[in-house]
């Protein structure tokens, strides 16, 4: 018998425990969970049972792609920092620029930023 409670198919807020993944270095059981938003994530069993983990990081109040959009902006800011460039765009202006047609050729945005652990993708 495993040294932890079996959580398979139990629901915790928006999460459903799907399978046991591993024990972490602190001896906590890590579970693969699916979120109602469609993403999968790994959560500690104790966090699930105590109610500290109820979603994958998505916030049901935010629209699909919101997390991907913010992560994409974070990547652009990090790239500027690596190249010693100052990032002076506001978040709103950056998002507006990301969604506009190309200044040179008028092509519409078609590149999609998507990650499995984020709620939806972001086209820029």
C-alpha atoms as a PDB file:
ATOM      1  CA  UNK A   1       0.000   0.000   0.000  1.00  0.00           C
ATOM      2  CA  UNK A   2       1.381   3.450  -0.892  1.00  0.00           C
ATOM      3  CA  UNK A   3       2.358   5.833   1.941  1.00  0.00           C
ATOM      4  CA  UNK A   4      -0.161   8.416   0.734  1.00  0.00           C
ATOM      5  CA  UNK A   5      -3.893   8.732   0.170  1.00  0.00           C
ATOM      6  CA  UNK A   6      -5.143   7.694  -3.277  1.00  0.00           C
ATOM      7  CA  UNK A   7      -6.649  10.792  -4.907  1.00  0.00           C
ATOM      8  CA  UNK A   8      -7.341   9.409  -8.397  1.00  0.00           C
ATOM      9  CA  UNK A   9     -10.524  10.887  -9.941  1.00  0.00           C
ATOM     10  CA  UNK A  10     -11.217  13.076  -6.916  1.00  0.00           C
ATOM     11  CA  UNK A  11     -12.119  16.706  -7.634  1.00  0.00           C
ATOM     12  CA  UNK A  12     -10.547  19.664  -5.866  1.00  0.00           C
ATOM     13  CA  UNK A  13     -12.128  22.887  -7.109  1.00  0.00           C
ATOM     14  CA  UNK A  14     -11.409  22.970 -10.853  1.00  0.00           C
ATOM     15  CA  UNK A  15      -8.804  20.185 -10.620  1.00  0.00           C
ATOM     16  CA  UNK A  16      -9.268  16.434 -10.972  1.00  0.00           C
ATOM     17  CA  UNK A  17      -6.410  14.179  -9.837  1.00  0.00           C
ATOM     18  CA  UNK A  18      -5.552  11.826 -12.720  1.00  0.00           C
ATOM     19  CA  UNK A  19      -2.513   9.854 -11.591  1.00  0.00           C
ATOM     20  CA  UNK A  20       0.303   9.707  -9.085  1.00  0.00           C
ATOM     21  CA  UNK A  21       3.530  11.053 -10.602  1.00  0.00           C
ATOM     22  CA  UNK A  22       6.263  10.811  -7.959  1.00  0.00           C
ATOM     23  CA  UNK A  23       7.328  11.661  -4.441  1.00  0.00           C
ATOM     24  CA  UNK A  24       9.197  14.961  -4.207  1.00  0.00           C
ATOM     25  CA  UNK A  25      12.404  15.418  -2.194  1.00  0.00           C
ATOM     26  CA  UNK A  26      10.352  16.342   0.883  1.00  0.00           C
ATOM     27  CA  UNK A  27       8.293  13.144   0.739  1.00  0.00           C
ATOM     28  CA  UNK A  28       5.124  14.738  -0.610  1.00  0.00           C
ATOM     29  CA  UNK A  29       3.074  12.915  -3.222  1.00  0.00           C
ATOM     30  CA  UNK A  30       2.880  14.770  -6.551  1.00  0.00           C
ATOM     31  CA  UNK A  31      -0.263  14.238  -8.632  1.00  0.00           C
ATOM     32  CA  UNK A  32      -0.974  14.944 -12.288  1.00  0.00           C
ATOM     33  CA  UNK A  33      -4.207  16.910 -12.393  1.00  0.00           C
ATOM     34  CA  UNK A  34      -6.431  18.103 -15.202  1.00  0.00           C
ATOM     35  CA  UNK A  35      -8.115  21.469 -14.866  1.00  0.00           C
ATOM     36  CA  UNK A  36     -11.566  22.298 -16.179  1.00  0.00           C
ATOM     37  CA  UNK A  37      -9.889  24.932 -18.395  1.00  0.00           C
ATOM     38  CA  UNK A  38      -8.205  22.068 -20.292  1.00  0.00           C
ATOM     39  CA  UNK A  39      -4.669  22.401 -18.927  1.00  0.00           C
ATOM     40  CA  UNK A  40      -2.744  19.747 -17.002  1.00  0.00           C
ATOM     41  CA  UNK A  41      -0.543  20.458 -14.015  1.00  0.00           C
ATOM     42  CA  UNK A  42       1.244  18.754 -11.155  1.00  0.00           C
ATOM     43  CA  UNK A  43       0.157  19.507  -7.592  1.00  0.00           C
ATOM     44  CA  UNK A  44       1.142  18.234  -4.161  1.00  0.00           C
ATOM     45  CA  UNK A  45      -1.409  15.927  -2.583  1.00  0.00           C
ATOM     46  CA  UNK A  46      -1.433  17.913   0.650  1.00  0.00           C
ATOM     47  CA  UNK A  47      -2.206  21.122  -1.226  1.00  0.00           C
ATOM     48  CA  UNK A  48      -5.109  19.399  -2.964  1.00  0.00           C
ATOM     49  CA  UNK A  49      -6.639  17.937   0.189  1.00  0.00           C
ATOM     50  CA  UNK A  50      -6.194  21.135   2.246  1.00  0.00           C
ATOM     51  CA  UNK A  51      -7.811  23.251  -0.470  1.00  0.00           C
ATOM     52  CA  UNK A  52      -4.639  25.237  -1.223  1.00  0.00           C
ATOM     53  CA  UNK A  53      -4.644  24.042  -4.858  1.00  0.00           C
ATOM     54  CA  UNK A  54      -7.954  24.428  -6.666  1.00  0.00           C
ATOM     55  CA  UNK A  55      -6.897  25.349 -10.203  1.00  0.00           C
ATOM     56  CA  UNK A  56      -3.917  25.059 -12.552  1.00  0.00           C
ATOM     57  CA  UNK A  57      -2.969  28.695 -12.336  1.00  0.00           C
ATOM     58  CA  UNK A  58      -5.725  29.816 -14.620  1.00  0.00           C
ATOM     59  CA  UNK A  59      -8.240  32.104 -13.063  1.00  0.00           C
ATOM     60  CA  UNK A  60     -11.774  31.380 -14.207  1.00  0.00           C
ATOM     61  CA  UNK A  61     -12.431  35.123 -14.108  1.00  0.00           C
ATOM     62  CA  UNK A  62      -9.823  35.695 -16.835  1.00  0.00           C
ATOM     63  CA  UNK A  63     -10.436  34.849 -20.499  1.00  0.00           C
ATOM     64  CA  UNK A  64      -8.660  32.036 -22.345  1.00  0.00           C
ATOM     65  CA  UNK A  65      -5.172  33.067 -23.438  1.00  0.00           C
ATOM     66  CA  UNK A  66      -4.723  35.635 -20.666  1.00  0.00           C
ATOM     67  CA  UNK A  67      -1.882  33.739 -18.976  1.00  0.00           C
ATOM     68  CA  UNK A  68      -0.191  33.014 -22.324  1.00  0.00           C
ATOM     69  CA  UNK A  69      -0.399  36.706 -23.255  1.00  0.00           C
ATOM     70  CA  UNK A  70       1.229  37.738 -19.968  1.00  0.00           C
ATOM     71  CA  UNK A  71       3.914  35.051 -20.274  1.00  0.00           C
ATOM     72  CA  UNK A  72       4.683  36.196 -23.836  1.00  0.00           C
ATOM     73  CA  UNK A  73       5.153  39.763 -22.571  1.00  0.00           C
ATOM     74  CA  UNK A  74       7.464  38.471 -19.830  1.00  0.00           C
ATOM     75  CA  UNK A  75       9.583  36.744 -22.481  1.00  0.00           C
ATOM     76  CA  UNK A  76       9.882  39.955 -24.512  1.00  0.00           C
ATOM     77  CA  UNK A  77      10.899  41.930 -21.404  1.00  0.00           C
ATOM     78  CA  UNK A  78      13.492  39.297 -20.481  1.00  0.00           C
ATOM     79  CA  UNK A  79      14.891  39.383 -24.027  1.00  0.00           C
ATOM     80  CA  UNK A  80      15.277  43.148 -23.832  1.00  0.00           C
ATOM     81  CA  UNK A  81      17.058  42.862 -20.476  1.00  0.00           C
ATOM     82  CA  UNK A  82      19.487  40.234 -21.812  1.00  0.00           C
ATOM     83  CA  UNK A  83      20.410  42.589 -24.668  1.00  0.00           C
ATOM     84  CA  UNK A  84      20.758  45.532 -22.237  1.00  0.00           C
ATOM     85  CA  UNK A  85      17.783  47.338 -23.759  1.00  0.00           C
ATOM     86  CA  UNK A  86      15.425  49.406 -21.672  1.00  0.00           C
ATOM     87  CA  UNK A  87      11.790  48.248 -21.823  1.00  0.00           C
ATOM     88  CA  UNK A  88       9.620  51.374 -21.751  1.00  0.00           C
ATOM     89  CA  UNK A  89       6.343  50.080 -23.198  1.00  0.00           C
ATOM     90  CA  UNK A  90       3.364  49.854 -20.901  1.00  0.00           C
ATOM     91  CA  UNK A  91       1.627  46.491 -20.692  1.00  0.00           C
ATOM     92  CA  UNK A  92      -1.422  47.873 -22.506  1.00  0.00           C
ATOM     93  CA  UNK A  93       0.621  49.393 -25.343  1.00  0.00           C
ATOM     94  CA  UNK A  94       2.661  46.197 -25.782  1.00  0.00           C
ATOM     95  CA  UNK A  95      -0.508  44.082 -26.019  1.00  0.00           C
ATOM     96  CA  UNK A  96      -1.999  46.535 -28.492  1.00  0.00           C
ATOM     97  CA  UNK A  97       1.159  46.408 -30.650  1.00  0.00           C
ATOM     98  CA  UNK A  98       1.213  42.592 -30.501  1.00  0.00           C
ATOM     99  CA  UNK A  99      -2.263  42.400 -32.033  1.00  0.00           C
ATOM    100  CA  UNK A 100      -1.853  44.974 -34.802  1.00  0.00           C
ATOM    101  CA  UNK A 101      -1.057  44.184 -38.451  1.00  0.00           C
ATOM    102  CA  UNK A 102       2.595  44.434 -39.479  1.00  0.00           C
ATOM    103  CA  UNK A 103       3.655  48.045 -40.070  1.00  0.00           C
ATOM    104  CA  UNK A 104       5.686  47.097 -43.157  1.00  0.00           C
ATOM    105  CA  UNK A 105       3.574  44.511 -44.975  1.00  0.00           C
ATOM    106  CA  UNK A 106       0.148  44.762 -43.243  1.00  0.00           C
ATOM    107  CA  UNK A 107       0.130  41.019 -42.501  1.00  0.00           C
ATOM    108  CA  UNK A 108      -2.157  40.032 -39.644  1.00  0.00           C
ATOM    109  CA  UNK A 109      -0.673  38.422 -36.517  1.00  0.00           C
ATOM    110  CA  UNK A 110      -0.368  34.663 -36.997  1.00  0.00           C
ATOM    111  CA  UNK A 111       2.326  33.469 -34.609  1.00  0.00           C
ATOM    112  CA  UNK A 112       0.819  31.631 -31.645  1.00  0.00           C
ATOM    113  CA  UNK A 113       2.346  31.353 -28.209  1.00  0.00           C
ATOM    114  CA  UNK A 114       0.989  28.258 -26.473  1.00  0.00           C
ATOM    115  CA  UNK A 115       2.102  26.151 -23.539  1.00  0.00           C
ATOM    116  CA  UNK A 116       0.417  23.103 -22.072  1.00  0.00           C
ATOM    117  CA  UNK A 117       0.334  24.571 -18.572  1.00  0.00           C
ATOM    118  CA  UNK A 118      -1.293  27.844 -19.627  1.00  0.00           C
ATOM    119  CA  UNK A 119      -4.987  28.403 -20.264  1.00  0.00           C
ATOM    120  CA  UNK A 120      -5.209  28.818 -24.048  1.00  0.00           C
ATOM    121  CA  UNK A 121      -2.873  30.442 -26.529  1.00  0.00           C
ATOM    122  CA  UNK A 122      -2.060  33.976 -27.580  1.00  0.00           C
ATOM    123  CA  UNK A 123      -1.763  35.007 -31.229  1.00  0.00           C
ATOM    124  CA  UNK A 124       0.618  37.872 -31.934  1.00  0.00           C
END
